[in-house]
C-alpha atoms as a PDB file:
ATOM      1  CA  MET A   1      21.187  28.342  38.771  1.00  0.00           C
ATOM      2  CA  GLU A   2      22.507  25.308  36.852  1.00  0.00           C
ATOM      3  CA  LEU A   3      19.488  23.289  38.000  1.00  0.00           C
ATOM      4  CA  ASP A   4      17.131  25.941  36.635  1.00  0.00           C
ATOM      5  CA  GLN A   5      18.888  25.822  33.278  1.00  0.00           C
ATOM      6  CA  ASP A   6      18.555  22.024  33.130  1.00  0.00           C
ATOM      7  CA  LEU A   7      14.824  22.266  33.794  1.00  0.00           C
ATOM      8  CA  LYS A   8      14.340  24.827  31.043  1.00  0.00           C
ATOM      9  CA  ASP A   9      11.977  23.666  28.277  1.00  0.00           C
ATOM     10  CA  HIS A  10      14.034  24.149  25.119  1.00  0.00           C
ATOM     11  CA  PHE A  11      10.984  23.551  22.919  1.00  0.00           C
ATOM     12  CA  GLU A  12       9.684  26.903  24.124  1.00  0.00           C
ATOM     13  CA  CYS A  13      12.554  28.512  22.229  1.00  0.00           C
ATOM     14  CA  LEU A  14      11.246  27.089  18.938  1.00  0.00           C
ATOM     15  CA  SER A  15       8.595  28.891  16.929  1.00  0.00           C
ATOM     16  CA  ASP A  16       5.272  27.264  16.052  1.00  0.00           C
ATOM     17  CA  GLU A  17       6.288  27.218  12.375  1.00  0.00           C
ATOM     18  CA  LEU A  18       9.489  25.275  13.117  1.00  0.00           C
ATOM     19  CA  LEU A  19       7.692  22.786  15.372  1.00  0.00           C
ATOM     20  CA  SER A  20       5.047  22.242  12.682  1.00  0.00           C
ATOM     21  CA  LEU A  21       7.816  21.550  10.178  1.00  0.00           C
ATOM     22  CA  ILE A  22       9.335  18.980  12.546  1.00  0.00           C
ATOM     23  CA  PHE A  23       5.981  17.253  13.085  1.00  0.00           C
ATOM     24  CA  ASN A  24       5.427  17.068   9.318  1.00  0.00           C
ATOM     25  CA  LYS A  25       8.809  15.329   8.995  1.00  0.00           C
ATOM     26  CA  VAL A  26       7.792  12.791  11.660  1.00  0.00           C
ATOM     27  CA  GLN A  27       4.690  11.811   9.620  1.00  0.00           C
ATOM     28  CA  ASP A  28       3.976   8.630  11.637  1.00  0.00           C
ATOM     29  CA  ALA A  29       0.458   8.986  13.063  1.00  0.00           C
ATOM     30  CA  LYS A  30       1.094   6.824  16.137  1.00  0.00           C
ATOM     31  CA  SER A  31       4.196   8.791  17.124  1.00  0.00           C
ATOM     32  CA  LEU A  32       2.377  12.089  16.603  1.00  0.00           C
ATOM     33  CA  CYS A  33      -0.543  10.951  18.762  1.00  0.00           C
ATOM     34  CA  ARG A  34       1.907  10.131  21.556  1.00  0.00           C
ATOM     35  CA  CYS A  35       3.632  13.495  21.130  1.00  0.00           C
ATOM     36  CA  SER A  36       0.323  15.331  21.419  1.00  0.00           C
ATOM     37  CA  ALA A  37       0.105  14.156  25.046  1.00  0.00           C
ATOM     38  CA  VAL A  38       3.415  15.842  25.947  1.00  0.00           C
ATOM     39  CA  SER A  39       2.097  19.368  26.334  1.00  0.00           C
ATOM     40  CA  LYS A  40      -0.837  21.637  25.602  1.00  0.00           C
ATOM     41  CA  ARG A  41       1.197  23.381  22.916  1.00  0.00           C
ATOM     42  CA  PHE A  42       1.968  20.093  21.155  1.00  0.00           C
ATOM     43  CA  SER A  43      -1.688  19.045  21.347  1.00  0.00           C
ATOM     44  CA  THR A  44      -2.603  22.281  19.562  1.00  0.00           C
ATOM     45  CA  LEU A  45       0.032  22.078  16.798  1.00  0.00           C
ATOM     46  CA  ILE A  46      -0.018  18.350  15.970  1.00  0.00           C
ATOM     47  CA  PRO A  47      -3.643  18.263  14.665  1.00  0.00           C
ATOM     48  CA  GLN A  48      -2.495  20.788  12.033  1.00  0.00           C
ATOM     49  CA  THR A  49       0.041  18.330  10.567  1.00  0.00           C
ATOM     50  CA  ASN A  50      -0.539  18.064   6.818  1.00  0.00           C
ATOM     51  CA  THR A  51       1.620  15.031   5.917  1.00  0.00           C
ATOM     52  CA  LEU A  52       0.680  11.753   7.565  1.00  0.00           C
ATOM     53  CA  LEU A  53       1.727   8.096   7.505  1.00  0.00           C
ATOM     54  CA  LEU A  54      -0.771   5.671   9.037  1.00  0.00           C
ATOM     55  CA  GLU A  55       0.592   2.163   9.550  1.00  0.00           C
ATOM     56  CA  ILE A  56      -2.029  -0.520  10.159  1.00  0.00           C
ATOM     57  CA  SER A  57      -0.612  -3.334  12.274  1.00  0.00           C
ATOM     58  CA  PRO A  58      -1.589  -6.929  11.511  1.00  0.00           C
ATOM     59  CA  PRO A  59      -4.263  -8.432  13.766  1.00  0.00           C
ATOM     60  CA  LYS A  60      -3.048 -10.254  16.848  1.00  0.00           C
ATOM     61  CA  TYR A  61      -4.410 -13.734  17.362  1.00  0.00           C
ATOM     62  CA  ILE A  62      -3.951 -15.030  20.915  1.00  0.00           C
ATOM     63  CA  PRO A  63      -4.474 -18.806  21.317  1.00  0.00           C
ATOM     64  CA  ILE A  64      -7.309 -19.747  23.696  1.00  0.00           C
ATOM     65  CA  GLN A  65      -4.889 -21.921  25.711  1.00  0.00           C
ATOM     66  CA  THR A  66      -2.634 -18.937  26.323  1.00  0.00           C
ATOM     67  CA  LEU A  67      -5.563 -16.804  27.449  1.00  0.00           C
ATOM     68  CA  PHE A  68      -6.722 -19.554  29.846  1.00  0.00           C
ATOM     69  CA  MET A  69      -3.252 -20.021  31.390  1.00  0.00           C
ATOM     70  CA  ASN A  70      -2.850 -16.265  31.838  1.00  0.00           C
ATOM     71  CA  PHE A  71      -6.228 -16.139  33.541  1.00  0.00           C
ATOM     72  CA  LEU A  72      -5.243 -18.943  35.953  1.00  0.00           C
ATOM     73  CA  LYS A  73      -1.979 -17.180  36.812  1.00  0.00           C
ATOM     74  CA  ILE A  74      -3.826 -13.973  37.604  1.00  0.00           C
ATOM     75  CA  LEU A  75      -6.442 -15.895  39.590  1.00  0.00           C
ATOM     76  CA  VAL A  76      -3.914 -17.769  41.762  1.00  0.00           C
ATOM     77  CA  SER A  77      -1.578 -14.830  42.352  1.00  0.00           C
ATOM     78  CA  CYS A  78      -4.177 -12.173  42.973  1.00  0.00           C
ATOM     79  CA  PHE A  79      -7.347 -13.724  44.350  1.00  0.00           C
ATOM     80  CA  PHE A  80      -5.859 -14.463  47.738  1.00  0.00           C
ATOM     81  CA  VAL A  81      -3.348 -11.622  47.954  1.00  0.00           C
ATOM     82  CA  LYS A  82      -4.841  -8.569  46.321  1.00  0.00           C
ATOM     83  CA  PRO A  83      -8.551  -9.013  45.560  1.00  0.00           C
ATOM     84  CA  LEU A  84      -9.061  -5.411  44.545  1.00  0.00           C
ATOM     85  CA  GLN A  85      -6.071  -5.485  42.234  1.00  0.00           C
ATOM     86  CA  PHE A  86      -7.422  -8.727  40.764  1.00  0.00           C
ATOM     87  CA  LEU A  87     -10.654  -7.025  39.707  1.00  0.00           C
ATOM     88  CA  HIS A  88      -8.667  -4.167  38.230  1.00  0.00           C
ATOM     89  CA  LYS A  89      -6.565  -6.549  36.124  1.00  0.00           C
ATOM     90  CA  ILE A  90      -9.631  -8.376  34.816  1.00  0.00           C
ATOM     91  CA  VAL A  91     -11.166  -5.096  33.660  1.00  0.00           C
ATOM     92  CA  LEU A  92      -7.862  -3.896  32.199  1.00  0.00           C
ATOM     93  CA  GLN A  93      -7.298  -7.168  30.364  1.00  0.00           C
ATOM     94  CA  LYS A  94     -10.764  -7.010  28.831  1.00  0.00           C
ATOM     95  CA  THR A  95     -10.196  -3.447  27.676  1.00  0.00           C
ATOM     96  CA  CYS A  96      -6.854  -4.271  26.040  1.00  0.00           C
ATOM     97  CA  MET A  97      -8.283  -7.305  24.260  1.00  0.00           C
ATOM     98  CA  ASN A  98     -11.034  -5.182  22.762  1.00  0.00           C
ATOM     99  CA  LEU A  99      -8.363  -2.967  21.213  1.00  0.00           C
ATOM    100  CA  ASP A 100      -6.833  -5.812  19.179  1.00  0.00           C
ATOM    101  CA  LEU A 101      -7.216  -4.878  15.525  1.00  0.00           C
ATOM    102  CA  ASN A 102      -8.877  -7.216  13.071  1.00  0.00           C
ATOM    103  CA  GLU A 103      -9.528  -6.764   9.352  1.00  0.00           C
ATOM    104  CA  ASP A 104     -13.147  -5.678   9.810  1.00  0.00           C
ATOM    105  CA  SER A 105     -12.122  -2.847  12.130  1.00  0.00           C
ATOM    106  CA  VAL A 106      -9.498  -1.298   9.825  1.00  0.00           C
ATOM    107  CA  PRO A 107     -11.794   1.421   8.341  1.00  0.00           C
ATOM    108  CA  HIS A 108     -13.114   2.359  11.800  1.00  0.00           C
ATOM    109  CA  PHE A 109      -9.605   2.423  13.276  1.00  0.00           C
ATOM    110  CA  ALA A 110      -8.327   4.627  10.435  1.00  0.00           C
ATOM    111  CA  ARG A 111     -11.265   7.040  10.755  1.00  0.00           C
ATOM    112  CA  GLU A 112     -10.737   7.393  14.504  1.00  0.00           C
ATOM    113  CA  VAL A 113      -7.019   8.124  14.120  1.00  0.00           C
ATOM    114  CA  LEU A 114      -7.516  10.586  11.242  1.00  0.00           C
ATOM    115  CA  LYS A 115     -10.152  12.480  13.261  1.00  0.00           C
ATOM    116  CA  LYS A 116      -7.275  13.809  15.361  1.00  0.00           C
ATOM    117  CA  PHE A 117      -5.849  15.625  12.325  1.00  0.00           C
ATOM    118  CA  SER A 118      -7.792  18.451  10.696  1.00  0.00           C
ATOM    119  CA  LYS A 119      -5.480  19.678   7.921  1.00  0.00           C
ATOM    120  CA  ILE A 120      -4.213  16.540   6.186  1.00  0.00           C
ATOM    121  CA  ASN A 121      -2.960  17.285   2.678  1.00  0.00           C
ATOM    122  CA  SER A 122      -0.982  14.127   1.933  1.00  0.00           C
ATOM    123  CA  LEU A 123      -1.890  10.719   3.376  1.00  0.00           C
ATOM    124  CA  HIS A 124       0.011   7.435   3.098  1.00  0.00           C
ATOM    125  CA  ILE A 125      -1.715   4.353   4.534  1.00  0.00           C
ATOM    126  CA  GLN A 126       0.409   1.235   4.970  1.00  0.00           C
ATOM    127  CA  LEU A 127      -1.549  -2.008   5.290  1.00  0.00           C
ATOM    128  CA  PRO A 128      -0.269  -5.342   6.637  1.00  0.00           C
ATOM    129  CA  PRO A 129       0.825  -7.969   4.072  1.00  0.00           C
ATOM    130  CA  SER A 130      -2.501  -9.806   4.472  1.00  0.00           C
ATOM    131  CA  HIS A 131      -4.230  -6.949   2.587  1.00  0.00           C
ATOM    132  CA  GLY A 132      -3.011  -7.881  -0.905  1.00  0.00           C
ATOM    133  CA  GLY A 133       0.698  -7.572  -0.162  1.00  0.00           C
ATOM    134  CA  GLY A 134       1.654 -11.242  -0.422  1.00  0.00           C
ATOM    135  CA  ILE A 135       0.837 -12.071  -4.056  1.00  0.00           C
ATOM    136  CA  ARG A 136       3.485 -14.471  -5.377  1.00  0.00           C
ATOM    137  CA  SER A 137       4.490 -14.549  -9.049  1.00  0.00           C
ATOM    138  CA  SER A 138       5.871 -18.091  -8.677  1.00  0.00           C
ATOM    139  CA  SER A 139       6.962 -20.589  -6.041  1.00  0.00           C
ATOM    140  CA  ARG A 140      10.610 -19.534  -6.411  1.00  0.00           C
ATOM    141  CA  ALA A 141      12.163 -17.463  -3.629  1.00  0.00           C
ATOM    142  CA  ASP A 142      13.546 -14.919  -6.114  1.00  0.00           C
ATOM    143  CA  SER A 143      10.222 -14.300  -7.874  1.00  0.00           C
ATOM    144  CA  PHE A 144       9.165 -10.704  -8.310  1.00  0.00           C
ATOM    145  CA  LEU A 145       5.900  -8.772  -8.644  1.00  0.00           C
ATOM    146  CA  LYS A 146       5.102  -5.064  -8.286  1.00  0.00           C
ATOM    147  CA  TRP A 147       2.039  -3.060  -9.266  1.00  0.00           C
ATOM    148  CA  LYS A 148       0.551   0.400  -9.143  1.00  0.00           C
ATOM    149  CA  ALA A 149      -3.090   1.366  -9.704  1.00  0.00           C
ATOM    150  CA  GLU A 150      -4.695   4.782 -10.069  1.00  0.00           C
ATOM    151  CA  PHE A 151      -8.351   5.318  -9.247  1.00  0.00           C
ATOM    152  CA  GLY A 152     -10.938   8.052  -9.319  1.00  0.00           C
ATOM    153  CA  ARG A 153     -14.533   6.926  -9.100  1.00  0.00           C
ATOM    154  CA  GLU A 154     -13.304   3.729 -10.759  1.00  0.00           C
ATOM    155  CA  LEU A 155     -10.061   2.348 -12.170  1.00  0.00           C
ATOM    156  CA  LYS A 156      -7.993   4.775 -14.276  1.00  0.00           C
ATOM    157  CA  SER A 157      -5.012   2.523 -14.931  1.00  0.00           C
ATOM    158  CA  CYS A 158      -3.001  -0.332 -13.474  1.00  0.00           C
ATOM    159  CA  VAL A 159       0.591  -1.249 -14.318  1.00  0.00           C
ATOM    160  CA  LEU A 160       2.104  -4.569 -13.281  1.00  0.00           C
ATOM    161  CA  LEU A 161       5.745  -5.640 -13.573  1.00  0.00           C
ATOM    162  CA  GLY A 162       6.656  -9.218 -12.726  1.00  0.00           C
ATOM    163  CA  ALA A 163       9.030 -12.107 -13.282  1.00  0.00           C
ATOM    164  CA  THR A 164       9.180 -15.742 -12.246  1.00  0.00           C
ATOM    165  CA  SER A 165      12.818 -15.118 -11.281  1.00  0.00           C
ATOM    166  CA  PHE A 166      14.644 -11.809 -10.725  1.00  0.00           C
ATOM    167  CA  TYR A 167      18.282 -11.861  -9.614  1.00  0.00           C
ATOM    168  CA  LYS A 168      21.651 -10.147  -9.842  1.00  0.00           C
ATOM    169  CA  ILE A 169      24.261 -11.471 -12.246  1.00  0.00           C
ATOM    170  CA  SER A 170      26.769 -13.176  -9.932  1.00  0.00           C
ATOM    171  CA  SER A 171      29.060 -16.143  -9.640  1.00  0.00           C
ATOM    172  CA  ILE A 172      26.055 -18.308  -8.771  1.00  0.00           C
ATOM    173  CA  HIS A 173      24.810 -17.949 -12.342  1.00  0.00           C
ATOM    174  CA  GLU A 174      28.166 -17.899 -14.176  1.00  0.00           C
ATOM    175  CA  ASP A 175      27.559 -21.352 -15.602  1.00  0.00           C
ATOM    176  CA  GLU A 176      24.206 -20.328 -17.017  1.00  0.00           C
ATOM    177  CA  HIS A 177      23.961 -18.702 -20.410  1.00  0.00           C
ATOM    178  CA  HIS A 178      21.435 -15.886 -20.801  1.00  0.00           C
ATOM    179  CA  GLU A 179      20.826 -13.938 -23.954  1.00  0.00           C
ATOM    180  CA  ILE A 180      19.117 -10.584 -24.260  1.00  0.00           C
ATOM    181  CA  SER A 181      15.911 -11.243 -26.143  1.00  0.00           C
ATOM    182  CA  HIS A 182      14.231  -8.424 -28.007  1.00  0.00           C
ATOM    183  CA  ASP A 183      12.269 -10.766 -30.253  1.00  0.00           C
ATOM    184  CA  GLU A 184       8.648 -11.589 -29.635  1.00  0.00           C
ATOM    185  CA  SER A 185       8.395 -14.391 -27.082  1.00  0.00           C
ATOM    186  CA  ASN A 186       5.495 -16.779 -27.276  1.00  0.00           C
ATOM    187  CA  LEU A 187       3.486 -17.529 -24.163  1.00  0.00           C
ATOM    188  CA  THR A 188       2.286 -21.057 -23.544  1.00  0.00           C
ATOM    189  CA  GLY A 189      -1.260 -21.594 -22.318  1.00  0.00           C
ATOM    190  CA  ASP A 190      -0.072 -22.245 -18.753  1.00  0.00           C
ATOM    191  CA  GLU A 191       2.158 -19.172 -18.743  1.00  0.00           C
ATOM    192  CA  LEU A 192      -0.717 -16.995 -19.963  1.00  0.00           C
ATOM    193  CA  LYS A 193      -2.994 -18.397 -17.238  1.00  0.00           C
ATOM    194  CA  LEU A 194      -0.342 -17.613 -14.606  1.00  0.00           C
ATOM    195  CA  ARG A 195      -0.016 -14.002 -15.738  1.00  0.00           C
ATOM    196  CA  THR A 196      -3.763 -13.609 -15.923  1.00  0.00           C
ATOM    197  CA  ALA A 197      -3.877 -14.791 -12.300  1.00  0.00           C
ATOM    198  CA  TRP A 198      -1.267 -12.140 -11.378  1.00  0.00           C
ATOM    199  CA  MET A 199      -3.347  -9.454 -13.026  1.00  0.00           C
ATOM    200  CA  ILE A 200      -6.667 -10.489 -11.457  1.00  0.00           C
ATOM    201  CA  SER A 201      -5.072 -10.817  -7.982  1.00  0.00           C
ATOM    202  CA  CYS A 202      -3.548  -7.341  -8.244  1.00  0.00           C
ATOM    203  CA  LEU A 203      -6.806  -5.818  -9.518  1.00  0.00           C
ATOM    204  CA  PHE A 204      -8.753  -7.384  -6.641  1.00  0.00           C
ATOM    205  CA  ALA A 205      -6.195  -6.112  -4.111  1.00  0.00           C
ATOM    206  CA  ALA A 206      -6.366  -2.636  -5.667  1.00  0.00           C
ATOM    207  CA  SER A 207     -10.166  -2.533  -5.650  1.00  0.00           C
ATOM    208  CA  ALA A 208     -10.264  -3.613  -1.992  1.00  0.00           C
ATOM    209  CA  ARG A 209      -7.939  -0.720  -1.082  1.00  0.00           C
ATOM    210  CA  HIS A 210     -10.046   1.696  -3.112  1.00  0.00           C
ATOM    211  CA  CYS A 211     -13.139   0.485  -1.251  1.00  0.00           C
ATOM    212  CA  LEU A 212     -11.270   0.906   2.054  1.00  0.00           C
ATOM    213  CA  LEU A 213     -10.602   4.535   1.191  1.00  0.00           C
ATOM    214  CA  LYS A 214     -14.289   5.068   0.395  1.00  0.00           C
ATOM    215  CA  GLN A 215     -15.166   3.747   3.844  1.00  0.00           C
ATOM    216  CA  ILE A 216     -12.552   5.957   5.506  1.00  0.00           C
ATOM    217  CA  ILE A 217     -13.902   9.126   3.867  1.00  0.00           C
ATOM    218  CA  SER A 218     -17.529   7.971   3.867  1.00  0.00           C
ATOM    219  CA  ASN A 219     -18.512  11.511   4.837  1.00  0.00           C
ATOM    220  CA  SER A 220     -17.821  13.804   1.873  1.00  0.00           C
ATOM    221  CA  THR A 221     -16.833  16.601   4.299  1.00  0.00           C
ATOM    222  CA  ASP A 222     -14.040  14.550   5.915  1.00  0.00           C
ATOM    223  CA  HIS A 223     -10.576  15.996   5.327  1.00  0.00           C
ATOM    224  CA  PRO A 224     -11.469  18.590   2.663  1.00  0.00           C
ATOM    225  CA  MET A 225      -7.804  19.601   2.269  1.00  0.00           C
ATOM    226  CA  LEU A 226      -6.723  16.095   1.239  1.00  0.00           C
ATOM    227  CA  ARG A 227      -4.968  16.203  -2.167  1.00  0.00           C
ATOM    228  CA  SER A 228      -2.876  13.044  -2.291  1.00  0.00           C
ATOM    229  CA  VAL A 229      -3.478   9.491  -1.052  1.00  0.00           C
ATOM    230  CA  VAL A 230      -1.265   6.421  -1.368  1.00  0.00           C
ATOM    231  CA  ILE A 231      -2.387   3.071   0.033  1.00  0.00           C
ATOM    232  CA  GLY A 232       0.453   0.569   0.112  1.00  0.00           C
ATOM    233  CA  ASP A 233       1.423  -2.528   2.047  1.00  0.00           C
ATOM    234  CA  ALA A 234       4.192  -3.498   4.434  1.00  0.00           C
ATOM    235  CA  ARG A 235       5.995  -5.506   1.720  1.00  0.00           C
ATOM    236  CA  ASN A 236       5.873  -2.544  -0.664  1.00  0.00           C
ATOM    237  CA  GLN A 237       4.439  -4.766  -3.390  1.00  0.00           C
ATOM    238  CA  GLY A 238       1.541  -2.652  -4.632  1.00  0.00           C
ATOM    239  CA  ARG A 239       0.136   0.862  -4.353  1.00  0.00           C
ATOM    240  CA  VAL A 240      -3.171   2.569  -5.008  1.00  0.00           C
ATOM    241  CA  CYS A 241      -2.602   6.252  -5.771  1.00  0.00           C
ATOM    242  CA  MET A 242      -5.074   9.119  -6.011  1.00  0.00           C
ATOM    243  CA  GLY A 243      -4.568  12.832  -6.617  1.00  0.00           C
ATOM    244  CA  GLY A 244      -6.802  15.838  -6.014  1.00  0.00           C
ATOM    245  CA  LYS A 245      -9.062  15.370  -9.064  1.00  0.00           C
ATOM    246  CA  GLN A 246      -9.452  11.647  -8.412  1.00  0.00           C
ATOM    247  CA  LEU A 247     -10.397  12.313  -4.782  1.00  0.00           C
ATOM    248  CA  GLU A 248     -13.059  14.783  -5.923  1.00  0.00           C
ATOM    249  CA  GLU A 249     -14.530  12.080  -8.184  1.00  0.00           C
ATOM    250  CA  LEU A 250     -14.499   9.640  -5.278  1.00  0.00           C
ATOM    251  CA  ARG A 251     -16.224  12.054  -2.893  1.00  0.00           C
ATOM    252  CA  ALA A 252     -18.982  12.632  -5.459  1.00  0.00           C
ATOM    253  CA  CYS A 253     -19.930   8.941  -5.475  1.00  0.00           C
ATOM    254  CA  VAL A 254     -19.011   7.857  -1.963  1.00  0.00           C
ATOM    255  CA  ASN A 255     -21.700   6.236   0.163  1.00  0.00           C
ATOM    256  CA  SER A 256     -21.991   4.316   3.397  1.00  0.00           C
ATOM    257  CA  SER A 257     -22.546   0.894   1.829  1.00  0.00           C
ATOM    258  CA  MET A 258     -20.070  -1.737   3.018  1.00  0.00           C
ATOM    259  CA  GLU A 259     -18.741  -2.984  -0.319  1.00  0.00           C
ATOM    260  CA  ILE A 260     -16.123  -5.727  -0.345  1.00  0.00           C
ATOM    261  CA  ARG A 261     -14.455  -4.254  -3.416  1.00  0.00           C
ATOM    262  CA  THR A 262     -14.918  -1.692  -6.152  1.00  0.00           C
ATOM    263  CA  GLY A 263     -16.241  -3.092  -9.436  1.00  0.00           C
ATOM    264  CA  PHE A 264     -14.403  -2.730 -12.740  1.00  0.00           C
ATOM    265  CA  PRO A 265     -15.662  -1.456 -16.098  1.00  0.00           C
ATOM    266  CA  SER A 266     -14.768  -3.206 -19.365  1.00  0.00           C
ATOM    267  CA  LEU A 267     -10.985  -3.260 -19.619  1.00  0.00           C
ATOM    268  CA  TRP A 268      -8.301  -3.242 -22.282  1.00  0.00           C
ATOM    269  CA  VAL A 269      -5.105  -5.084 -21.414  1.00  0.00           C
ATOM    270  CA  LYS A 270      -1.671  -4.967 -23.012  1.00  0.00           C
ATOM    271  CA  LEU A 271       0.722  -7.735 -22.011  1.00  0.00           C
ATOM    272  CA  TRP A 272       4.410  -7.916 -22.945  1.00  0.00           C
ATOM    273  CA  TYR A 273       6.427 -11.064 -22.295  1.00  0.00           C
ATOM    274  CA  VAL A 274      10.142 -11.834 -22.671  1.00  0.00           C
ATOM    275  CA  SER A 275      11.354 -15.281 -21.649  1.00  0.00           C
ATOM    276  CA  VAL A 276      14.839 -14.119 -20.548  1.00  0.00           C
ATOM    277  CA  LEU A 277      15.763 -10.462 -20.210  1.00  0.00           C
ATOM    278  CA  GLU A 278      19.118  -9.055 -19.141  1.00  0.00           C
ATOM    279  CA  LEU A 279      19.356  -5.546 -17.706  1.00  0.00           C
ATOM    280  CA  PRO A 280      22.961  -4.461 -18.356  1.00  0.00           C
ATOM    281  CA  ASP A 281      22.732  -1.125 -16.517  1.00  0.00           C
ATOM    282  CA  SER A 282      21.341  -2.735 -13.367  1.00  0.00           C
ATOM    283  CA  GLY A 283      23.261  -5.996 -13.581  1.00  0.00           C
ATOM    284  CA  ARG A 284      20.035  -8.001 -13.217  1.00  0.00           C
ATOM    285  CA  VAL A 285      18.348 -10.853 -15.064  1.00  0.00           C
ATOM    286  CA  MET A 286      14.595 -11.402 -15.334  1.00  0.00           C
ATOM    287  CA  GLN A 287      13.174 -14.772 -16.311  1.00  0.00           C
ATOM    288  CA  GLY A 288       9.593 -14.743 -17.527  1.00  0.00           C
ATOM    289  CA  ALA A 289       9.700 -10.936 -17.595  1.00  0.00           C
ATOM    290  CA  THR A 290       6.173  -9.548 -17.869  1.00  0.00           C
ATOM    291  CA  LEU A 291       4.732  -6.059 -18.161  1.00  0.00           C
ATOM    292  CA  ILE A 292       0.961  -5.464 -18.096  1.00  0.00           C
ATOM    293  CA  ILE A 293      -0.959  -2.234 -18.636  1.00  0.00           C
ATOM    294  CA  VAL A 294      -4.664  -2.255 -17.761  1.00  0.00           C
ATOM    295  CA  ARG A 295      -7.026   0.620 -18.517  1.00  0.00           C
ATOM    296  CA  PRO A 296     -10.762   1.098 -19.088  1.00  0.00           C
ATOM    297  CA  ALA A 297     -12.015   0.367 -22.598  1.00  0.00           C
ATOM    298  CA  PRO A 298     -13.099   3.529 -24.457  1.00  0.00           C
ATOM    299  CA  ALA A 299     -16.740   4.245 -25.163  1.00  0.00           C
ATOM    300  CA  ASP A 300     -16.051   3.878 -28.895  1.00  0.00           C
ATOM    301  CA  PRO A 301     -15.057   0.210 -29.483  1.00  0.00           C
ATOM    302  CA  SER A 302     -13.658   1.066 -32.938  1.00  0.00           C
ATOM    303  CA  LEU A 303     -10.724   2.892 -31.324  1.00  0.00           C
ATOM    304  CA  GLU A 304      -7.483   0.977 -31.002  1.00  0.00           C
ATOM    305  CA  MET A 305      -4.976   0.976 -28.175  1.00  0.00           C
ATOM    306  CA  GLU A 306      -2.350   3.399 -29.417  1.00  0.00           C
ATOM    307  CA  SER A 307       1.234   2.425 -28.662  1.00  0.00           C
ATOM    308  CA  ASP A 308       2.124   6.100 -28.195  1.00  0.00           C
ATOM    309  CA  SER A 309       0.025   6.189 -25.036  1.00  0.00           C
ATOM    310  CA  ASP A 310       2.052   3.424 -23.360  1.00  0.00           C
ATOM    311  CA  GLY A 311       4.721   5.879 -22.278  1.00  0.00           C
ATOM    312  CA  TYR A 312       2.088   8.008 -20.535  1.00  0.00           C
ATOM    313  CA  PHE A 313       1.053   5.111 -18.296  1.00  0.00           C
ATOM    314  CA  LEU A 314       4.638   3.995 -17.621  1.00  0.00           C
ATOM    315  CA  GLU A 315       6.119   7.403 -16.867  1.00  0.00           C
ATOM    316  CA  GLY A 316       6.938   7.695 -13.186  1.00  0.00           C
ATOM    317  CA  VAL A 317       4.934   4.576 -12.352  1.00  0.00           C
ATOM    318  CA  PHE A 318       7.469   3.445  -9.731  1.00  0.00           C
ATOM    319  CA  HIS A 319       8.639   6.914  -8.712  1.00  0.00           C
ATOM    320  CA  GLY A 320      10.174   6.963  -5.250  1.00  0.00           C
ATOM    321  CA  GLU A 321      10.769   3.206  -5.135  1.00  0.00           C
ATOM    322  CA  GLU A 322      14.101   1.981  -3.773  1.00  0.00           C
ATOM    323  CA  GLU A 323      15.017   0.379  -7.131  1.00  0.00           C
ATOM    324  CA  GLU A 324      13.215   2.865  -9.376  1.00  0.00           C
ATOM    325  CA  GLU A 325      15.977   2.958 -12.011  1.00  0.00           C
ATOM    326  CA  THR A 326      16.061  -0.837 -12.241  1.00  0.00           C
ATOM    327  CA  PHE A 327      12.293  -1.025 -12.756  1.00  0.00           C
ATOM    328  CA  ASN A 328      12.393   1.739 -15.375  1.00  0.00           C
ATOM    329  CA  GLU A 329      15.146  -0.077 -17.282  1.00  0.00           C
ATOM    330  CA  ALA A 330      13.147  -3.314 -17.147  1.00  0.00           C
ATOM    331  CA  MET A 331      10.035  -1.655 -18.584  1.00  0.00           C
ATOM    332  CA  ARG A 332      12.028   0.036 -21.360  1.00  0.00           C
ATOM    333  CA  GLU A 333      13.687  -3.220 -22.384  1.00  0.00           C
ATOM    334  CA  ILE A 334      10.455  -5.228 -22.298  1.00  0.00           C
ATOM    335  CA  VAL A 335       8.508  -2.905 -24.605  1.00  0.00           C
ATOM    336  CA  LYS A 336      11.511  -2.342 -26.888  1.00  0.00           C
ATOM    337  CA  ASP A 337      10.813  -4.075 -30.234  1.00  0.00           C
ATOM    338  CA  ASN A 338       8.389  -6.518 -28.591  1.00  0.00           C
ATOM    339  CA  LYS A 339       4.808  -6.825 -29.748  1.00  0.00           C
ATOM    340  CA  PRO A 340       2.249  -6.983 -26.908  1.00  0.00           C
ATOM    341  CA  TYR A 341      -0.686  -9.324 -26.497  1.00  0.00           C
ATOM    342  CA  ILE A 342      -4.014  -7.485 -26.534  1.00  0.00           C
ATOM    343  CA  ILE A 343      -6.788  -8.739 -24.234  1.00  0.00           C
ATOM    344  CA  GLU A 344     -10.314  -7.430 -23.696  1.00  0.00           C
ATOM    345  CA  ILE A 345     -12.086  -8.112 -20.400  1.00  0.00           C
ATOM    346  CA  ASN A 346     -15.766  -7.547 -19.706  1.00  0.00           C
ATOM    347  CA  SER A 347     -16.834  -5.571 -16.642  1.00  0.00           C
ATOM    348  CA  PHE A 348     -16.835  -7.486 -13.349  1.00  0.00           C
END
């Protein structure tokens, strides 16, 4: 009797609704795919998961020497002892090597995984650092750079927060004297070039992710229930975000062409700079603190960039981040009483 109780499948006591809730909490696509092989019931419920996290692993590069030595080991150990098993290993090794993921196969890999899920409502794709997640703001180890871009058919807005140095106030810096600066700080030519490079690098990374999404949903009928997409990276440096309306715009223009990146319209840029900025609430110091807001230029060139609209672009820009309050304080202090630089960029 005790043995029968031990063999009892306790999952059978759970309702389909409760199991679906559990699977939605799991989110990780790889784990869910493994779970779907557990039972027929799981394989029926898991495709109905509506919240999904798809982590793309970095490509694996195996040195040719290593491959050759492995082949020799298999040849020596198996050719004389187990010839049939030798042939099996050769075939198996070839199959596994073909599954190694490279950058060109990312859209195909994502499409194949997402095909297993029919009711996705919220999708988070996490790319390896090589996909625009390793942009450095300076050569210093404590440099800092974060960005968020929103797209529809094209760029809606991009916000970038960066610093050449970003650290906690501690005994290491007790001998240094920092003053809170709310006055306008002047950028040198080299400093302006550096921040322009930050902005262009982030825009290129964002457009590549937007293009990746277009390739993933190249068929306008794919995942019709999708209402939220976030494409981030393993270092959590930047995010491309799209809501329901933006996804509808994207589906209307999507095509099968293999674009490297999405182009940009003419842009208006606001850039704030403070040479040294203390954040008293967070106990942090930012050197070379920089905030950049990028948005499409209006059709009427006579219109000016209204300062009242800055809050709209900054509100909730880093929502859900581990240090959200610190980033919000930094943005408030940077724009406070500081006049921004205004830059116009032609389409590219």
